[in-house]
Amino acid sequence: MKQLGTALLLSFFLLGTTSCREKTTAEKVEDGIEEVGEELEDAGEAVEEEVEDATDGN
């Protein structure tokens, strides 16, 4: 029983320390690409709304 408790404690410690690691360069690049993609999508939607608004008046 003591070994089980030790194993659980160790696994929680390892999970906790690995989740706090810093991002790798690849992860940072991926996050940046996703952010740019989202911004482009938002800009495209804004342009679409402006075009719809401009054509509704005619």
C-alpha atoms as a PDB file:
ATOM      1  CA  MET A   1       0.000   0.000   0.000  1.00  0.00           C
ATOM      2  CA  LYS A   2       2.864   2.360   0.784  1.00  0.00           C
ATOM      3  CA  GLN A   3       4.369   1.702  -2.655  1.00  0.00           C
ATOM      4  CA  LEU A   4       1.074   2.572  -4.332  1.00  0.00           C
ATOM      5  CA  GLY A   5       0.894   5.855  -2.451  1.00  0.00           C
ATOM      6  CA  THR A   6       4.491   6.651  -3.355  1.00  0.00           C
ATOM      7  CA  ALA A   7       3.838   5.821  -7.013  1.00  0.00           C
ATOM      8  CA  LEU A   8       0.751   8.055  -7.098  1.00  0.00           C
ATOM      9  CA  LEU A   9       2.573  10.917  -5.428  1.00  0.00           C
ATOM     10  CA  LEU A  10       5.468  10.598  -7.854  1.00  0.00           C
ATOM     11  CA  SER A  11       3.158  10.514 -10.878  1.00  0.00           C
ATOM     12  CA  PHE A  12       1.302  13.645  -9.722  1.00  0.00           C
ATOM     13  CA  PHE A  13       4.630  15.395  -9.191  1.00  0.00           C
ATOM     14  CA  LEU A  14       5.875  14.445 -12.653  1.00  0.00           C
ATOM     15  CA  LEU A  15       2.641  15.525 -14.321  1.00  0.00           C
ATOM     16  CA  GLY A  16       2.696  18.809 -12.479  1.00  0.00           C
ATOM     17  CA  THR A  17       6.257  19.654 -13.417  1.00  0.00           C
ATOM     18  CA  THR A  18       5.932  18.727 -17.083  1.00  0.00           C
ATOM     19  CA  SER A  19       2.837  20.887 -17.563  1.00  0.00           C
ATOM     20  CA  CYS A  20       4.739  23.983 -16.392  1.00  0.00           C
ATOM     21  CA  ARG A  21       7.514  23.718 -18.932  1.00  0.00           C
ATOM     22  CA  GLU A  22       8.209  26.533 -21.359  1.00  0.00           C
ATOM     23  CA  LYS A  23       7.032  26.284 -24.924  1.00  0.00           C
ATOM     24  CA  THR A  24       9.445  25.063 -27.553  1.00  0.00           C
ATOM     25  CA  THR A  25      10.274  27.205 -30.557  1.00  0.00           C
ATOM     26  CA  ALA A  26       8.060  25.015 -32.742  1.00  0.00           C
ATOM     27  CA  GLU A  27       5.126  25.501 -30.372  1.00  0.00           C
ATOM     28  CA  LYS A  28       5.680  29.263 -30.351  1.00  0.00           C
ATOM     29  CA  VAL A  29       5.776  29.334 -34.162  1.00  0.00           C
ATOM     30  CA  GLU A  30       2.620  27.232 -34.352  1.00  0.00           C
ATOM     31  CA  ASP A  31       0.842  29.576 -31.930  1.00  0.00           C
ATOM     32  CA  GLY A  32       1.958  32.570 -33.984  1.00  0.00           C
ATOM     33  CA  ILE A  33       0.696  31.022 -37.213  1.00  0.00           C
ATOM     34  CA  GLU A  34      -2.656  30.224 -35.602  1.00  0.00           C
ATOM     35  CA  GLU A  35      -2.932  33.784 -34.310  1.00  0.00           C
ATOM     36  CA  VAL A  36      -2.181  35.266 -37.730  1.00  0.00           C
ATOM     37  CA  GLY A  37      -4.722  32.915 -39.309  1.00  0.00           C
ATOM     38  CA  GLU A  38      -7.384  34.014 -36.852  1.00  0.00           C
ATOM     39  CA  GLU A  39      -6.580  37.683 -37.479  1.00  0.00           C
ATOM     40  CA  LEU A  40      -6.826  37.141 -41.241  1.00  0.00           C
ATOM     41  CA  GLU A  41     -10.159  35.407 -40.802  1.00  0.00           C
ATOM     42  CA  ASP A  42     -11.441  38.294 -38.667  1.00  0.00           C
ATOM     43  CA  ALA A  43     -10.223  40.824 -41.237  1.00  0.00           C
ATOM     44  CA  GLY A  44     -11.905  38.879 -44.038  1.00  0.00           C
ATOM     45  CA  GLU A  45     -15.176  38.858 -42.129  1.00  0.00           C
ATOM     46  CA  ALA A  46     -14.887  42.603 -41.529  1.00  0.00           C
ATOM     47  CA  VAL A  47     -14.317  43.233 -45.241  1.00  0.00           C
ATOM     48  CA  GLU A  48     -17.259  40.996 -46.093  1.00  0.00           C
ATOM     49  CA  GLU A  49     -19.502  42.983 -43.730  1.00  0.00           C
ATOM     50  CA  GLU A  50     -18.325  46.277 -45.227  1.00  0.00           C
ATOM     51  CA  VAL A  51     -19.051  45.035 -48.753  1.00  0.00           C
ATOM     52  CA  GLU A  52     -22.504  43.837 -47.686  1.00  0.00           C
ATOM     53  CA  ASP A  53     -23.216  47.175 -46.040  1.00  0.00           C
ATOM     54  CA  ALA A  54     -22.023  49.085 -49.116  1.00  0.00           C
ATOM     55  CA  THR A  55     -24.113  47.002 -51.508  1.00  0.00           C
ATOM     56  CA  ASP A  56     -27.262  47.162 -49.362  1.00  0.00           C
ATOM     57  CA  GLY A  57     -27.509  50.918 -49.918  1.00  0.00           C
ATOM     58  CA  ASN A  58     -27.648  50.561 -53.710  1.00  0.00           C
END
